[in-house]
Amino acid sequence: MKKLIPLVLALALLAGCAVEGPRPPRTQLQKRQMQTRVFEVKSEKLVMKAMVNVLQDEGFMIDLANLELGVLKASKEVNIENPNERFFAIMASGNNARWKKNQKIECTANVSKYGKNRIKVRVVFFSKIMDNLGGVVEIRHVESPAYYQEFFAKVDKSIFLAKENL
């Protein structure tokens, strides 16, 4: 009986650490809902400027902004080179070595009127990882609801500051 108690405790501990299976992929509707917000303001220009301010604060370069079409495109590059990965790639492949070097995060946004006093924004972020030779290793949409919530919270704050002339 004394030998059975540790076994039962170990099994209970393992059951508490059960790993959740993979989540099913989000539907297109779920993705759009995550990427879209409606702001209670009249001016598309105000929202567009707020988005530009937030993106610039986050280190993005504005590649394109067209108020008439309500389109905004921005990007930023981050060095993600890992010295260990680089070393082992060179050791294994010499002059032909390839390793992850840069990550380019791109943002596209659509800003449009939504009723009389509201503006709807849909923004999509995606990440492009490139190797040391400039080749694309991976392209992936950012699908983190928290990432979009944080972005829209900053836009909302920027709109508030602009409306208050702060």
N, C-alpha and C. Protein backbone atom coordinates (compact mmCIF):
# COMPACT_ATOMS: atom_id res chain seq x y z
N MET A 1 0.82 -1.20 0.00
CA MET A 1 0.00 0.00 0.00
C MET A 1 0.87 1.26 0.00
N LYS A 2 1.98 1.25 0.76
CA LYS A 2 2.86 2.41 0.84
C LYS A 2 3.51 2.70 -0.50
N LYS A 3 3.74 1.68 -1.31
CA LYS A 3 4.33 1.86 -2.63
C LYS A 3 3.32 2.43 -3.61
N LEU A 4 2.06 2.19 -3.36
CA LEU A 4 0.99 2.63 -4.25
C LEU A 4 0.73 4.14 -4.13
N ILE A 5 0.92 4.71 -2.94
CA ILE A 5 0.64 6.13 -2.71
C ILE A 5 1.51 7.03 -3.59
N PRO A 6 2.84 6.86 -3.66
CA PRO A 6 3.64 7.71 -4.55
C PRO A 6 3.24 7.57 -6.02
N LEU A 7 2.85 6.36 -6.42
CA LEU A 7 2.42 6.15 -7.80
C LEU A 7 1.15 6.93 -8.10
N VAL A 8 0.20 6.89 -7.19
CA VAL A 8 -1.06 7.62 -7.37
C VAL A 8 -0.79 9.13 -7.39
N LEU A 9 0.08 9.61 -6.51
CA LEU A 9 0.42 11.04 -6.49
C LEU A 9 1.10 11.46 -7.79
N ALA A 10 1.99 10.63 -8.29
CA ALA A 10 2.68 10.94 -9.56
C ALA A 10 1.68 10.99 -10.71
N LEU A 11 0.76 10.04 -10.74
CA LEU A 11 -0.26 10.03 -11.81
C LEU A 11 -1.17 11.25 -11.71
N ALA A 12 -1.53 11.65 -10.50
CA ALA A 12 -2.37 12.83 -10.32
C ALA A 12 -1.63 14.08 -10.79
N LEU A 13 -0.34 14.14 -10.48
CA LEU A 13 0.46 15.27 -10.92
C LEU A 13 0.54 15.33 -12.43
N LEU A 14 0.77 14.21 -13.08
CA LEU A 14 0.83 14.17 -14.54
C LEU A 14 -0.50 14.52 -15.17
N ALA A 15 -1.59 14.09 -14.57
CA ALA A 15 -2.92 14.40 -15.11
C ALA A 15 -3.17 15.91 -15.05
N GLY A 16 -2.65 16.56 -14.02
CA GLY A 16 -2.80 18.00 -13.90
C GLY A 16 -1.99 18.76 -14.93
N CYS A 17 -0.99 18.13 -15.51
CA CYS A 17 -0.12 18.77 -16.51
C CYS A 17 -0.47 18.32 -17.92
N ALA A 18 -1.66 17.80 -18.10
CA ALA A 18 -2.04 17.30 -19.42
C ALA A 18 -1.92 18.41 -20.46
N VAL A 19 -1.40 18.07 -21.60
CA VAL A 19 -1.19 19.03 -22.67
C VAL A 19 -2.44 19.08 -23.53
N GLU A 20 -2.86 20.31 -23.82
CA GLU A 20 -4.02 20.51 -24.68
C GLU A 20 -3.63 20.22 -26.12
N GLY A 21 -4.51 19.60 -26.86
CA GLY A 21 -4.24 19.29 -28.26
C GLY A 21 -4.17 20.54 -29.11
N PRO A 22 -3.73 20.40 -30.35
CA PRO A 22 -3.65 21.58 -31.22
C PRO A 22 -5.02 22.20 -31.46
N ARG A 23 -5.03 23.53 -31.46
CA ARG A 23 -6.30 24.24 -31.70
C ARG A 23 -6.61 24.21 -33.19
N PRO A 24 -7.88 24.10 -33.52
CA PRO A 24 -8.23 24.16 -34.94
C PRO A 24 -7.93 25.55 -35.50
N PRO A 25 -7.58 25.64 -36.77
CA PRO A 25 -7.28 26.96 -37.35
C PRO A 25 -8.50 27.86 -37.29
N ARG A 26 -8.23 29.15 -37.17
CA ARG A 26 -9.32 30.13 -37.14
C ARG A 26 -9.97 30.21 -38.51
N THR A 27 -11.26 30.47 -38.51
CA THR A 27 -11.97 30.67 -39.77
C THR A 27 -11.65 32.07 -40.29
N GLN A 28 -11.95 32.33 -41.53
CA GLN A 28 -11.72 33.66 -42.11
C GLN A 28 -12.52 34.72 -41.35
N LEU A 29 -13.73 34.38 -40.95
CA LEU A 29 -14.56 35.32 -40.19
C LEU A 29 -13.92 35.64 -38.85
N GLN A 30 -13.38 34.64 -38.16
CA GLN A 30 -12.72 34.88 -36.88
C GLN A 30 -11.49 35.77 -37.05
N LYS A 31 -10.74 35.55 -38.12
CA LYS A 31 -9.57 36.38 -38.39
C LYS A 31 -9.99 37.83 -38.63
N ARG A 32 -11.02 38.02 -39.44
CA ARG A 32 -11.48 39.39 -39.73
C ARG A 32 -11.96 40.09 -38.48
N GLN A 33 -12.68 39.38 -37.61
CA GLN A 33 -13.15 39.98 -36.38
C GLN A 33 -12.00 40.43 -35.50
N MET A 34 -10.93 39.63 -35.46
CA MET A 34 -9.75 39.95 -34.66
C MET A 34 -9.03 41.18 -35.24
N GLN A 35 -9.05 41.32 -36.56
CA GLN A 35 -8.29 42.36 -37.26
C GLN A 35 -9.09 43.65 -37.47
N THR A 36 -10.33 43.71 -37.02
CA THR A 36 -11.20 44.85 -37.33
C THR A 36 -11.70 45.53 -36.06
N ARG A 37 -11.71 46.86 -36.09
CA ARG A 37 -12.28 47.66 -35.01
C ARG A 37 -13.06 48.82 -35.61
N VAL A 38 -14.08 49.23 -34.87
CA VAL A 38 -14.88 50.39 -35.26
C VAL A 38 -14.64 51.46 -34.21
N PHE A 39 -14.30 52.66 -34.68
CA PHE A 39 -14.04 53.79 -33.79
C PHE A 39 -15.17 54.79 -33.91
N GLU A 40 -15.59 55.32 -32.78
CA GLU A 40 -16.69 56.27 -32.71
C GLU A 40 -16.19 57.69 -32.98
N VAL A 41 -15.78 57.94 -34.21
CA VAL A 41 -15.33 59.26 -34.64
C VAL A 41 -15.86 59.50 -36.06
N LYS A 42 -15.86 60.76 -36.47
CA LYS A 42 -16.38 61.10 -37.80
C LYS A 42 -15.29 61.12 -38.87
N SER A 43 -14.06 61.37 -38.48
CA SER A 43 -13.01 61.68 -39.43
C SER A 43 -12.09 60.49 -39.75
N GLU A 44 -12.07 60.11 -41.01
CA GLU A 44 -11.14 59.07 -41.45
C GLU A 44 -9.71 59.58 -41.32
N LYS A 45 -9.52 60.87 -41.57
CA LYS A 45 -8.19 61.45 -41.49
C LYS A 45 -7.64 61.35 -40.07
N LEU A 46 -8.48 61.60 -39.07
CA LEU A 46 -8.07 61.51 -37.67
C LEU A 46 -7.61 60.09 -37.34
N VAL A 47 -8.36 59.10 -37.80
CA VAL A 47 -8.01 57.70 -37.53
C VAL A 47 -6.72 57.32 -38.26
N MET A 48 -6.61 57.76 -39.51
CA MET A 48 -5.42 57.46 -40.29
C MET A 48 -4.18 58.05 -39.63
N LYS A 49 -4.27 59.32 -39.17
CA LYS A 49 -3.13 59.96 -38.51
C LYS A 49 -2.80 59.25 -37.20
N ALA A 50 -3.81 58.82 -36.47
CA ALA A 50 -3.58 58.09 -35.22
C ALA A 50 -2.84 56.79 -35.50
N MET A 51 -3.24 56.09 -36.56
CA MET A 51 -2.56 54.85 -36.91
C MET A 51 -1.12 55.10 -37.32
N VAL A 52 -0.89 56.15 -38.10
CA VAL A 52 0.48 56.50 -38.50
C VAL A 52 1.32 56.78 -37.26
N ASN A 53 0.78 57.54 -36.31
CA ASN A 53 1.52 57.85 -35.08
C ASN A 53 1.87 56.58 -34.30
N VAL A 54 0.92 55.68 -34.16
CA VAL A 54 1.17 54.44 -33.42
C VAL A 54 2.23 53.60 -34.12
N LEU A 55 2.09 53.45 -35.43
CA LEU A 55 3.05 52.65 -36.17
C LEU A 55 4.46 53.25 -36.08
N GLN A 56 4.56 54.56 -36.20
CA GLN A 56 5.87 55.20 -36.08
C GLN A 56 6.44 55.04 -34.67
N ASP A 57 5.58 55.14 -33.65
CA ASP A 57 6.03 54.92 -32.28
C ASP A 57 6.58 53.51 -32.10
N GLU A 58 6.04 52.56 -32.85
CA GLU A 58 6.47 51.16 -32.76
C GLU A 58 7.66 50.85 -33.67
N GLY A 59 8.19 51.85 -34.36
CA GLY A 59 9.37 51.65 -35.18
C GLY A 59 9.10 51.30 -36.63
N PHE A 60 7.86 51.43 -37.07
CA PHE A 60 7.51 51.14 -38.46
C PHE A 60 7.83 52.34 -39.34
N MET A 61 8.18 52.06 -40.57
CA MET A 61 8.32 53.09 -41.60
C MET A 61 7.03 53.06 -42.41
N ILE A 62 6.47 54.22 -42.70
CA ILE A 62 5.25 54.29 -43.50
C ILE A 62 5.66 54.18 -44.97
N ASP A 63 5.21 53.11 -45.61
CA ASP A 63 5.55 52.87 -47.02
C ASP A 63 4.53 53.51 -47.95
N LEU A 64 3.27 53.56 -47.52
CA LEU A 64 2.21 54.10 -48.36
C LEU A 64 1.07 54.56 -47.47
N ALA A 65 0.54 55.74 -47.75
CA ALA A 65 -0.64 56.23 -47.05
C ALA A 65 -1.48 57.00 -48.06
N ASN A 66 -2.69 56.54 -48.30
CA ASN A 66 -3.58 57.20 -49.24
C ASN A 66 -4.92 57.40 -48.55
N LEU A 67 -5.17 58.63 -48.11
CA LEU A 67 -6.40 58.95 -47.38
C LEU A 67 -7.64 58.74 -48.24
N GLU A 68 -7.55 59.12 -49.51
CA GLU A 68 -8.71 59.00 -50.40
C GLU A 68 -9.17 57.54 -50.52
N LEU A 69 -8.23 56.62 -50.64
CA LEU A 69 -8.57 55.20 -50.72
C LEU A 69 -8.68 54.54 -49.35
N GLY A 70 -8.17 55.20 -48.32
CA GLY A 70 -8.20 54.64 -46.97
C GLY A 70 -7.22 53.49 -46.80
N VAL A 71 -6.09 53.57 -47.49
CA VAL A 71 -5.10 52.49 -47.46
C VAL A 71 -3.83 52.97 -46.79
N LEU A 72 -3.27 52.11 -45.95
CA LEU A 72 -2.05 52.41 -45.26
C LEU A 72 -1.18 51.15 -45.27
N LYS A 73 0.10 51.33 -45.56
CA LYS A 73 1.04 50.20 -45.56
C LYS A 73 2.29 50.65 -44.84
N ALA A 74 2.78 49.82 -43.91
CA ALA A 74 3.97 50.15 -43.14
C ALA A 74 4.78 48.88 -42.90
N SER A 75 6.06 49.07 -42.60
CA SER A 75 6.91 47.91 -42.34
C SER A 75 8.06 48.29 -41.41
N LYS A 76 8.60 47.28 -40.76
CA LYS A 76 9.81 47.48 -39.96
C LYS A 76 10.64 46.20 -40.04
N GLU A 77 11.95 46.39 -39.97
CA GLU A 77 12.87 45.26 -40.02
C GLU A 77 13.57 45.13 -38.69
N VAL A 78 13.77 43.87 -38.29
CA VAL A 78 14.43 43.57 -37.03
C VAL A 78 15.51 42.54 -37.31
N ASN A 79 16.68 42.76 -36.77
CA ASN A 79 17.77 41.79 -36.91
C ASN A 79 17.50 40.65 -35.93
N ILE A 80 17.36 39.43 -36.45
CA ILE A 80 17.09 38.27 -35.60
C ILE A 80 18.24 37.26 -35.66
N GLU A 81 19.37 37.71 -36.17
CA GLU A 81 20.50 36.80 -36.33
C GLU A 81 20.94 36.23 -34.98
N ASN A 82 21.09 34.91 -34.94
CA ASN A 82 21.57 34.21 -33.77
C ASN A 82 23.02 33.80 -34.05
N PRO A 83 23.97 34.29 -33.26
CA PRO A 83 25.38 33.98 -33.52
C PRO A 83 25.68 32.48 -33.55
N ASN A 84 25.00 31.71 -32.71
CA ASN A 84 25.22 30.27 -32.70
C ASN A 84 24.73 29.63 -33.99
N GLU A 85 23.55 30.04 -34.44
CA GLU A 85 23.01 29.51 -35.69
C GLU A 85 23.94 29.86 -36.85
N ARG A 86 24.43 31.08 -36.86
CA ARG A 86 25.35 31.51 -37.91
C ARG A 86 26.63 30.67 -37.88
N PHE A 87 27.21 30.49 -36.71
CA PHE A 87 28.44 29.73 -36.57
C PHE A 87 28.27 28.30 -37.10
N PHE A 88 27.21 27.63 -36.65
CA PHE A 88 27.01 26.24 -37.07
C PHE A 88 26.67 26.13 -38.55
N ALA A 89 25.96 27.12 -39.09
CA ALA A 89 25.67 27.11 -40.54
C ALA A 89 26.96 27.24 -41.34
N ILE A 90 27.85 28.13 -40.91
CA ILE A 90 29.13 28.31 -41.61
C ILE A 90 29.99 27.05 -41.47
N MET A 91 29.99 26.46 -40.29
CA MET A 91 30.77 25.24 -40.08
C MET A 91 30.26 24.10 -40.96
N ALA A 92 28.95 24.03 -41.13
CA ALA A 92 28.36 22.93 -41.90
C ALA A 92 28.43 23.17 -43.41
N SER A 93 28.28 24.42 -43.84
CA SER A 93 28.13 24.68 -45.28
C SER A 93 29.17 25.63 -45.86
N GLY A 94 30.04 26.19 -45.06
CA GLY A 94 31.07 27.09 -45.57
C GLY A 94 30.49 28.32 -46.25
N ASN A 95 30.97 28.61 -47.47
CA ASN A 95 30.52 29.80 -48.21
C ASN A 95 29.05 29.72 -48.64
N ASN A 96 28.47 28.55 -48.62
CA ASN A 96 27.06 28.37 -49.01
C ASN A 96 26.12 28.44 -47.81
N ALA A 97 26.64 28.81 -46.67
CA ALA A 97 25.84 28.81 -45.44
C ALA A 97 24.69 29.80 -45.53
N ARG A 98 23.57 29.39 -44.95
CA ARG A 98 22.39 30.26 -44.86
C ARG A 98 21.83 30.15 -43.45
N TRP A 99 21.42 31.30 -42.91
CA TRP A 99 20.83 31.33 -41.59
C TRP A 99 19.85 32.49 -41.52
N LYS A 100 18.95 32.42 -40.55
CA LYS A 100 17.96 33.49 -40.39
C LYS A 100 18.67 34.76 -39.98
N LYS A 101 18.38 35.84 -40.70
CA LYS A 101 19.08 37.11 -40.48
C LYS A 101 18.13 38.25 -40.06
N ASN A 102 17.08 38.46 -40.84
CA ASN A 102 16.16 39.59 -40.60
C ASN A 102 14.72 39.13 -40.55
N GLN A 103 13.94 39.86 -39.79
CA GLN A 103 12.50 39.67 -39.79
C GLN A 103 11.89 41.00 -40.22
N LYS A 104 11.04 40.95 -41.22
CA LYS A 104 10.33 42.15 -41.67
C LYS A 104 8.87 41.98 -41.30
N ILE A 105 8.39 42.90 -40.48
CA ILE A 105 6.98 42.88 -40.08
C ILE A 105 6.27 43.92 -40.93
N GLU A 106 5.25 43.48 -41.65
CA GLU A 106 4.52 44.37 -42.53
C GLU A 106 3.08 44.52 -42.04
N CYS A 107 2.55 45.69 -42.27
CA CYS A 107 1.19 46.02 -41.85
C CYS A 107 0.46 46.63 -43.03
N THR A 108 -0.73 46.14 -43.29
CA THR A 108 -1.60 46.80 -44.27
C THR A 108 -2.91 47.12 -43.54
N ALA A 109 -3.47 48.27 -43.87
CA ALA A 109 -4.69 48.69 -43.20
C ALA A 109 -5.66 49.30 -44.19
N ASN A 110 -6.94 49.11 -43.91
CA ASN A 110 -8.03 49.66 -44.70
C ASN A 110 -8.89 50.48 -43.74
N VAL A 111 -9.03 51.76 -44.02
CA VAL A 111 -9.80 52.67 -43.17
C VAL A 111 -10.98 53.19 -43.97
N SER A 112 -12.21 53.01 -43.44
CA SER A 112 -13.39 53.45 -44.21
C SER A 112 -14.52 53.89 -43.28
N LYS A 113 -15.37 54.75 -43.83
CA LYS A 113 -16.55 55.19 -43.09
C LYS A 113 -17.44 53.99 -42.83
N TYR A 114 -18.09 54.01 -41.67
CA TYR A 114 -18.97 52.92 -41.27
C TYR A 114 -20.18 53.54 -40.60
N GLY A 115 -21.13 53.91 -41.40
CA GLY A 115 -22.26 54.65 -40.87
C GLY A 115 -21.94 56.14 -40.85
N LYS A 116 -22.69 56.88 -40.05
CA LYS A 116 -22.57 58.34 -40.06
C LYS A 116 -21.39 58.85 -39.23
N ASN A 117 -21.22 58.33 -38.04
CA ASN A 117 -20.21 58.86 -37.12
C ASN A 117 -19.21 57.80 -36.67
N ARG A 118 -18.95 56.84 -37.52
CA ARG A 118 -18.02 55.78 -37.14
C ARG A 118 -17.06 55.47 -38.29
N ILE A 119 -15.88 55.02 -37.91
CA ILE A 119 -14.85 54.63 -38.87
C ILE A 119 -14.44 53.19 -38.57
N LYS A 120 -14.41 52.38 -39.61
CA LYS A 120 -14.02 50.98 -39.46
C LYS A 120 -12.60 50.81 -39.97
N VAL A 121 -11.79 50.10 -39.20
CA VAL A 121 -10.40 49.83 -39.56
C VAL A 121 -10.17 48.32 -39.56
N ARG A 122 -9.60 47.85 -40.66
CA ARG A 122 -9.12 46.47 -40.69
C ARG A 122 -7.63 46.53 -40.94
N VAL A 123 -6.89 45.90 -40.06
CA VAL A 123 -5.44 45.90 -40.15
C VAL A 123 -4.94 44.46 -40.14
N VAL A 124 -3.95 44.19 -40.98
CA VAL A 124 -3.36 42.84 -41.05
C VAL A 124 -1.86 42.99 -40.89
N PHE A 125 -1.31 42.23 -39.96
CA PHE A 125 0.13 42.18 -39.76
C PHE A 125 0.64 40.82 -40.22
N PHE A 126 1.77 40.82 -40.87
CA PHE A 126 2.42 39.55 -41.17
C PHE A 126 3.92 39.69 -41.06
N SER A 127 4.55 38.56 -40.84
CA SER A 127 5.98 38.51 -40.59
C SER A 127 6.66 37.75 -41.71
N LYS A 128 7.75 38.32 -42.19
CA LYS A 128 8.54 37.68 -43.24
C LYS A 128 9.95 37.51 -42.69
N ILE A 129 10.43 36.27 -42.63
CA ILE A 129 11.77 36.00 -42.15
C ILE A 129 12.66 35.74 -43.35
N MET A 130 13.81 36.44 -43.37
CA MET A 130 14.75 36.31 -44.49
C MET A 130 16.09 35.81 -43.99
N ASP A 131 16.81 35.13 -44.89
CA ASP A 131 18.12 34.63 -44.52
C ASP A 131 19.21 35.65 -44.83
N ASN A 132 20.45 35.29 -44.57
CA ASN A 132 21.58 36.20 -44.75
C ASN A 132 21.81 36.59 -46.21
N LEU A 133 21.23 35.85 -47.15
CA LEU A 133 21.37 36.19 -48.57
C LEU A 133 20.14 36.92 -49.11
N GLY A 134 19.20 37.23 -48.24
CA GLY A 134 18.00 37.96 -48.65
C GLY A 134 16.86 37.07 -49.11
N GLY A 135 17.05 35.76 -49.06
CA GLY A 135 16.00 34.83 -49.45
C GLY A 135 14.93 34.72 -48.37
N VAL A 136 13.70 34.52 -48.79
CA VAL A 136 12.59 34.40 -47.85
C VAL A 136 12.59 32.98 -47.28
N VAL A 137 12.61 32.89 -45.96
CA VAL A 137 12.59 31.61 -45.27
C VAL A 137 11.16 31.24 -44.90
N GLU A 138 10.40 32.25 -44.46
CA GLU A 138 9.05 31.99 -43.95
C GLU A 138 8.22 33.26 -44.00
N ILE A 139 6.96 33.12 -44.35
CA ILE A 139 6.00 34.22 -44.27
C ILE A 139 4.82 33.72 -43.45
N ARG A 140 4.45 34.50 -42.44
CA ARG A 140 3.38 34.05 -41.56
C ARG A 140 2.53 35.24 -41.13
N HIS A 141 1.21 35.10 -41.18
CA HIS A 141 0.32 36.14 -40.66
C HIS A 141 0.39 36.14 -39.14
N VAL A 142 0.34 37.31 -38.55
CA VAL A 142 0.27 37.42 -37.10
C VAL A 142 -1.17 37.10 -36.72
N GLU A 143 -1.35 36.05 -35.93
CA GLU A 143 -2.70 35.62 -35.58
C GLU A 143 -2.94 35.66 -34.08
N SER A 144 -2.22 36.51 -33.40
CA SER A 144 -2.38 36.65 -31.96
C SER A 144 -3.44 37.71 -31.66
N PRO A 145 -4.56 37.32 -31.07
CA PRO A 145 -5.58 38.32 -30.72
C PRO A 145 -5.00 39.42 -29.83
N ALA A 146 -4.09 39.06 -28.92
CA ALA A 146 -3.50 40.06 -28.02
C ALA A 146 -2.71 41.11 -28.80
N TYR A 147 -2.03 40.71 -29.85
CA TYR A 147 -1.25 41.64 -30.66
C TYR A 147 -2.16 42.70 -31.27
N TYR A 148 -3.30 42.26 -31.83
CA TYR A 148 -4.25 43.19 -32.45
C TYR A 148 -4.95 44.04 -31.39
N GLN A 149 -5.30 43.44 -30.25
CA GLN A 149 -5.95 44.21 -29.19
C GLN A 149 -5.03 45.33 -28.69
N GLU A 150 -3.75 45.00 -28.53
CA GLU A 150 -2.78 46.00 -28.07
C GLU A 150 -2.64 47.12 -29.10
N PHE A 151 -2.57 46.74 -30.38
CA PHE A 151 -2.45 47.75 -31.42
C PHE A 151 -3.67 48.68 -31.41
N PHE A 152 -4.88 48.11 -31.39
CA PHE A 152 -6.08 48.93 -31.43
C PHE A 152 -6.23 49.78 -30.16
N ALA A 153 -5.76 49.28 -29.02
CA ALA A 153 -5.80 50.09 -27.79
C ALA A 153 -4.91 51.32 -27.94
N LYS A 154 -3.76 51.15 -28.57
CA LYS A 154 -2.86 52.28 -28.80
C LYS A 154 -3.46 53.27 -29.80
N VAL A 155 -4.13 52.76 -30.82
CA VAL A 155 -4.79 53.64 -31.79
C VAL A 155 -5.90 54.43 -31.09
N ASP A 156 -6.67 53.74 -30.26
CA ASP A 156 -7.75 54.40 -29.52
C ASP A 156 -7.20 55.51 -28.63
N LYS A 157 -6.08 55.25 -27.97
CA LYS A 157 -5.45 56.27 -27.12
C LYS A 157 -4.94 57.43 -27.97
N SER A 158 -4.37 57.13 -29.12
CA SER A 158 -3.87 58.18 -30.01
C SER A 158 -5.02 59.04 -30.54
N ILE A 159 -6.15 58.43 -30.83
CA ILE A 159 -7.34 59.18 -31.27
C ILE A 159 -7.79 60.11 -30.14
N PHE A 160 -7.85 59.57 -28.93
CA PHE A 160 -8.25 60.39 -27.78
C PHE A 160 -7.34 61.59 -27.63
N LEU A 161 -6.01 61.35 -27.69
CA LEU A 161 -5.06 62.46 -27.53
C LEU A 161 -5.22 63.50 -28.64
N ALA A 162 -5.48 63.06 -29.85
CA ALA A 162 -5.67 63.99 -30.96
C ALA A 162 -6.95 64.80 -30.77
N LYS A 163 -8.02 64.16 -30.34
CA LYS A 163 -9.28 64.87 -30.11
C LYS A 163 -9.17 65.91 -29.00
N GLU A 164 -8.31 65.62 -28.03
CA GLU A 164 -8.12 66.53 -26.89
C GLU A 164 -7.00 67.54 -27.17
N ASN A 165 -6.43 67.48 -28.37
CA ASN A 165 -5.32 68.37 -28.75
C ASN A 165 -4.13 68.26 -27.79
N LEU A 166 -3.81 67.03 -27.40
CA LEU A 166 -2.67 66.82 -26.48
C LEU A 166 -1.46 66.30 -27.23
